[in-house]
Amino acid sequence: GIAMGLFLLLSADLRIGTGAPARYSANEVAIGLTVPAAALAILRYRLTPSAADRAAVTAAVFDPQQAVAAGILHEVVEPDELLSAARGWAASAASDLHAGPHAETKMRARAGMLSELRAGLGELAG
């Protein structure tokens, strides 16, 4: 199967990485595959336009700092801070956001991307 780790990462609401050596890439075209339309929808939604194009068309590889600039990650922390950073964000979201309006706003904000994603998933099923 295709390793779609970058697309799973980009599906998360908060994306925290570490400064440890890491490479973020949509490597499909580098290994002879066409990037599926659903994956393109995710790239276009999360990454800057230039980075989305580079990621999809040239299989560009991003290190952690480049990944933040591109929109792949929100922040980079030291490895020993990763769990506390994630827990802090989750605690803040749970205490500071009203669940109903949060969910409704998220669906409204992402409606276009979700429509494009569904169409792309239909292409995979067809």
C-alpha atoms as a PDB file:
ATOM      1  CA  GLY A   1       0.000   0.000   0.000  1.00  0.00           C
ATOM      2  CA  ILE A   2       0.904   3.662  -0.191  1.00  0.00           C
ATOM      3  CA  ALA A   3       2.381   5.240   2.913  1.00  0.00           C
ATOM      4  CA  MET A   4       0.171   8.299   3.346  1.00  0.00           C
ATOM      5  CA  GLY A   5       1.681   9.488   6.630  1.00  0.00           C
ATOM      6  CA  LEU A   6       1.904  13.149   5.593  1.00  0.00           C
ATOM      7  CA  PHE A   7      -1.790  13.213   4.713  1.00  0.00           C
ATOM      8  CA  LEU A   8      -2.721  11.642   8.045  1.00  0.00           C
ATOM      9  CA  LEU A   9      -0.606  14.262   9.814  1.00  0.00           C
ATOM     10  CA  LEU A  10      -2.241  17.073   7.830  1.00  0.00           C
ATOM     11  CA  SER A  11      -5.668  15.808   8.895  1.00  0.00           C
ATOM     12  CA  ALA A  12      -4.945  16.718  12.530  1.00  0.00           C
ATOM     13  CA  ASP A  13      -6.139  20.013  13.997  1.00  0.00           C
ATOM     14  CA  LEU A  14      -2.808  20.648  15.712  1.00  0.00           C
ATOM     15  CA  ARG A  15       0.481  19.467  14.294  1.00  0.00           C
ATOM     16  CA  ILE A  16       3.524  19.625  16.582  1.00  0.00           C
ATOM     17  CA  GLY A  17       6.904  18.239  15.588  1.00  0.00           C
ATOM     18  CA  THR A  18      10.286  18.050  17.218  1.00  0.00           C
ATOM     19  CA  GLY A  19      13.610  19.483  16.177  1.00  0.00           C
ATOM     20  CA  ALA A  20      14.935  15.948  15.822  1.00  0.00           C
ATOM     21  CA  PRO A  21      15.949  15.013  12.284  1.00  0.00           C
ATOM     22  CA  ALA A  22      12.730  14.517  10.349  1.00  0.00           C
ATOM     23  CA  ARG A  23      11.616  14.715   6.743  1.00  0.00           C
ATOM     24  CA  TYR A  24       8.107  15.592   5.625  1.00  0.00           C
ATOM     25  CA  SER A  25       7.228  14.686   2.055  1.00  0.00           C
ATOM     26  CA  ALA A  26       4.424  13.658  -0.259  1.00  0.00           C
ATOM     27  CA  ASN A  27       6.659  11.290  -2.178  1.00  0.00           C
ATOM     28  CA  GLU A  28       4.102   9.833  -4.596  1.00  0.00           C
ATOM     29  CA  VAL A  29       5.517  11.300  -7.822  1.00  0.00           C
ATOM     30  CA  ALA A  30       9.042  10.371  -6.718  1.00  0.00           C
ATOM     31  CA  ILE A  31       8.001   6.713  -6.530  1.00  0.00           C
ATOM     32  CA  GLY A  32       5.970   6.713  -9.739  1.00  0.00           C
ATOM     33  CA  LEU A  33       2.462   7.416  -8.448  1.00  0.00           C
ATOM     34  CA  THR A  34      -0.018  10.173  -9.182  1.00  0.00           C
ATOM     35  CA  VAL A  35      -1.126  12.107  -6.103  1.00  0.00           C
ATOM     36  CA  PRO A  36      -4.824  11.283  -5.546  1.00  0.00           C
ATOM     37  CA  ALA A  37      -7.313  14.157  -5.763  1.00  0.00           C
ATOM     38  CA  ALA A  38      -8.300  13.672  -2.096  1.00  0.00           C
ATOM     39  CA  ALA A  39      -4.665  14.064  -1.033  1.00  0.00           C
ATOM     40  CA  LEU A  40      -4.343  17.191  -3.189  1.00  0.00           C
ATOM     41  CA  ALA A  41      -7.363  18.683  -1.420  1.00  0.00           C
ATOM     42  CA  ILE A  42      -5.664  18.169   1.941  1.00  0.00           C
ATOM     43  CA  LEU A  43      -2.381  19.661   0.702  1.00  0.00           C
ATOM     44  CA  ARG A  44      -4.127  22.725  -0.718  1.00  0.00           C
ATOM     45  CA  TYR A  45      -6.089  23.247   2.497  1.00  0.00           C
ATOM     46  CA  ARG A  46      -3.178  22.986   4.924  1.00  0.00           C
ATOM     47  CA  LEU A  47      -0.078  24.202   3.089  1.00  0.00           C
ATOM     48  CA  THR A  48       0.762  27.547   1.587  1.00  0.00           C
ATOM     49  CA  PRO A  49      -0.080  27.556  -2.141  1.00  0.00           C
ATOM     50  CA  SER A  50       3.579  27.439  -3.153  1.00  0.00           C
ATOM     51  CA  ALA A  51       4.427  24.657  -0.692  1.00  0.00           C
ATOM     52  CA  ALA A  52       1.368  22.609  -1.700  1.00  0.00           C
ATOM     53  CA  ASP A  53       2.419  22.786  -5.337  1.00  0.00           C
ATOM     54  CA  ARG A  54       6.036  21.885  -4.527  1.00  0.00           C
ATOM     55  CA  ALA A  55       4.954  19.043  -2.254  1.00  0.00           C
ATOM     56  CA  ALA A  56       2.610  17.503  -4.813  1.00  0.00           C
ATOM     57  CA  VAL A  57       4.376  18.173  -8.103  1.00  0.00           C
ATOM     58  CA  THR A  58       8.038  17.806  -7.110  1.00  0.00           C
ATOM     59  CA  ALA A  59       7.818  15.602  -3.978  1.00  0.00           C
ATOM     60  CA  ALA A  60       9.703  18.347  -2.105  1.00  0.00           C
ATOM     61  CA  VAL A  61      11.156  17.321   1.234  1.00  0.00           C
ATOM     62  CA  PHE A  62      10.728  19.668   4.206  1.00  0.00           C
ATOM     63  CA  ASP A  63      12.772  19.622   7.416  1.00  0.00           C
ATOM     64  CA  PRO A  64      10.963  20.585  10.663  1.00  0.00           C
ATOM     65  CA  GLN A  65      11.541  24.347  10.343  1.00  0.00           C
ATOM     66  CA  GLN A  66      10.598  24.347   6.660  1.00  0.00           C
ATOM     67  CA  ALA A  67       7.527  22.298   7.592  1.00  0.00           C
ATOM     68  CA  VAL A  68       6.354  25.099   9.913  1.00  0.00           C
ATOM     69  CA  ALA A  69       6.833  27.721   7.199  1.00  0.00           C
ATOM     70  CA  ALA A  70       4.982  25.525   4.680  1.00  0.00           C
ATOM     71  CA  GLY A  71       2.030  24.855   7.002  1.00  0.00           C
ATOM     72  CA  ILE A  72       2.750  21.183   7.629  1.00  0.00           C
ATOM     73  CA  LEU A  73       3.482  21.788  11.318  1.00  0.00           C
ATOM     74  CA  HIS A  74       2.191  24.480  13.655  1.00  0.00           C
ATOM     75  CA  GLU A  75       5.243  24.422  15.859  1.00  0.00           C
ATOM     76  CA  VAL A  76       8.466  22.604  16.630  1.00  0.00           C
ATOM     77  CA  VAL A  77       9.414  21.783  20.214  1.00  0.00           C
ATOM     78  CA  GLU A  78      12.208  19.877  21.900  1.00  0.00           C
ATOM     79  CA  PRO A  79      11.553  16.110  21.974  1.00  0.00           C
ATOM     80  CA  ASP A  80      11.082  16.089  25.747  1.00  0.00           C
ATOM     81  CA  GLU A  81       8.461  18.884  25.452  1.00  0.00           C
ATOM     82  CA  LEU A  82       6.265  17.185  22.850  1.00  0.00           C
ATOM     83  CA  LEU A  83       3.842  15.417  25.174  1.00  0.00           C
ATOM     84  CA  SER A  84       3.406  18.415  27.473  1.00  0.00           C
ATOM     85  CA  ALA A  85       2.859  20.740  24.477  1.00  0.00           C
ATOM     86  CA  ALA A  86       0.154  18.439  23.085  1.00  0.00           C
ATOM     87  CA  ARG A  87      -1.482  18.035  26.489  1.00  0.00           C
ATOM     88  CA  GLY A  88      -1.419  21.807  27.017  1.00  0.00           C
ATOM     89  CA  TRP A  89      -3.158  22.431  23.704  1.00  0.00           C
ATOM     90  CA  ALA A  90      -5.775  19.747  24.419  1.00  0.00           C
ATOM     91  CA  ALA A  91      -6.463  21.109  27.909  1.00  0.00           C
ATOM     92  CA  SER A  92      -6.791  24.647  26.565  1.00  0.00           C
ATOM     93  CA  ALA A  93      -9.138  23.550  23.792  1.00  0.00           C
ATOM     94  CA  ALA A  94     -11.266  21.565  26.235  1.00  0.00           C
ATOM     95  CA  SER A  95     -11.568  24.420  28.713  1.00  0.00           C
ATOM     96  CA  ASP A  96     -11.611  27.473  26.424  1.00  0.00           C
ATOM     97  CA  LEU A  97     -13.834  26.345  23.548  1.00  0.00           C
ATOM     98  CA  HIS A  98     -17.550  25.589  23.513  1.00  0.00           C
ATOM     99  CA  ALA A  99     -17.900  22.200  21.841  1.00  0.00           C
ATOM    100  CA  GLY A 100     -21.027  22.911  19.768  1.00  0.00           C
ATOM    101  CA  PRO A 101     -19.962  26.238  18.257  1.00  0.00           C
ATOM    102  CA  HIS A 102     -16.431  24.869  17.787  1.00  0.00           C
ATOM    103  CA  ALA A 103     -17.686  21.878  15.782  1.00  0.00           C
ATOM    104  CA  GLU A 104     -20.144  23.967  13.757  1.00  0.00           C
ATOM    105  CA  THR A 105     -17.526  26.591  12.926  1.00  0.00           C
ATOM    106  CA  LYS A 106     -14.988  23.917  11.999  1.00  0.00           C
ATOM    107  CA  MET A 107     -17.471  22.366   9.561  1.00  0.00           C
ATOM    108  CA  ARG A 108     -18.281  25.770   8.032  1.00  0.00           C
ATOM    109  CA  ALA A 109     -14.631  26.755   7.731  1.00  0.00           C
ATOM    110  CA  ARG A 110     -13.755  23.465   6.050  1.00  0.00           C
ATOM    111  CA  ALA A 111     -16.872  22.989   3.896  1.00  0.00           C
ATOM    112  CA  GLY A 112     -15.103  23.650   0.586  1.00  0.00           C
ATOM    113  CA  MET A 113     -12.190  21.368   1.375  1.00  0.00           C
ATOM    114  CA  LEU A 114     -14.519  18.631   2.647  1.00  0.00           C
ATOM    115  CA  SER A 115     -16.546  18.780  -0.578  1.00  0.00           C
ATOM    116  CA  GLU A 116     -13.354  18.488  -2.607  1.00  0.00           C
ATOM    117  CA  LEU A 117     -12.156  15.670  -0.353  1.00  0.00           C
ATOM    118  CA  ARG A 118     -15.407  13.706  -0.767  1.00  0.00           C
ATOM    119  CA  ALA A 119     -15.214  14.073  -4.546  1.00  0.00           C
ATOM    120  CA  GLY A 120     -11.619  12.839  -4.480  1.00  0.00           C
ATOM    121  CA  LEU A 121     -12.536   9.869  -2.296  1.00  0.00           C
ATOM    122  CA  GLY A 122     -15.278   9.015  -4.770  1.00  0.00           C
ATOM    123  CA  GLU A 123     -12.603   8.942  -7.468  1.00  0.00           C
ATOM    124  CA  LEU A 124     -10.623   6.395  -5.424  1.00  0.00           C
ATOM    125  CA  ALA A 125     -13.700   4.216  -4.898  1.00  0.00           C
ATOM    126  CA  GLY A 126     -14.720   4.414  -8.578  1.00  0.00           C
END
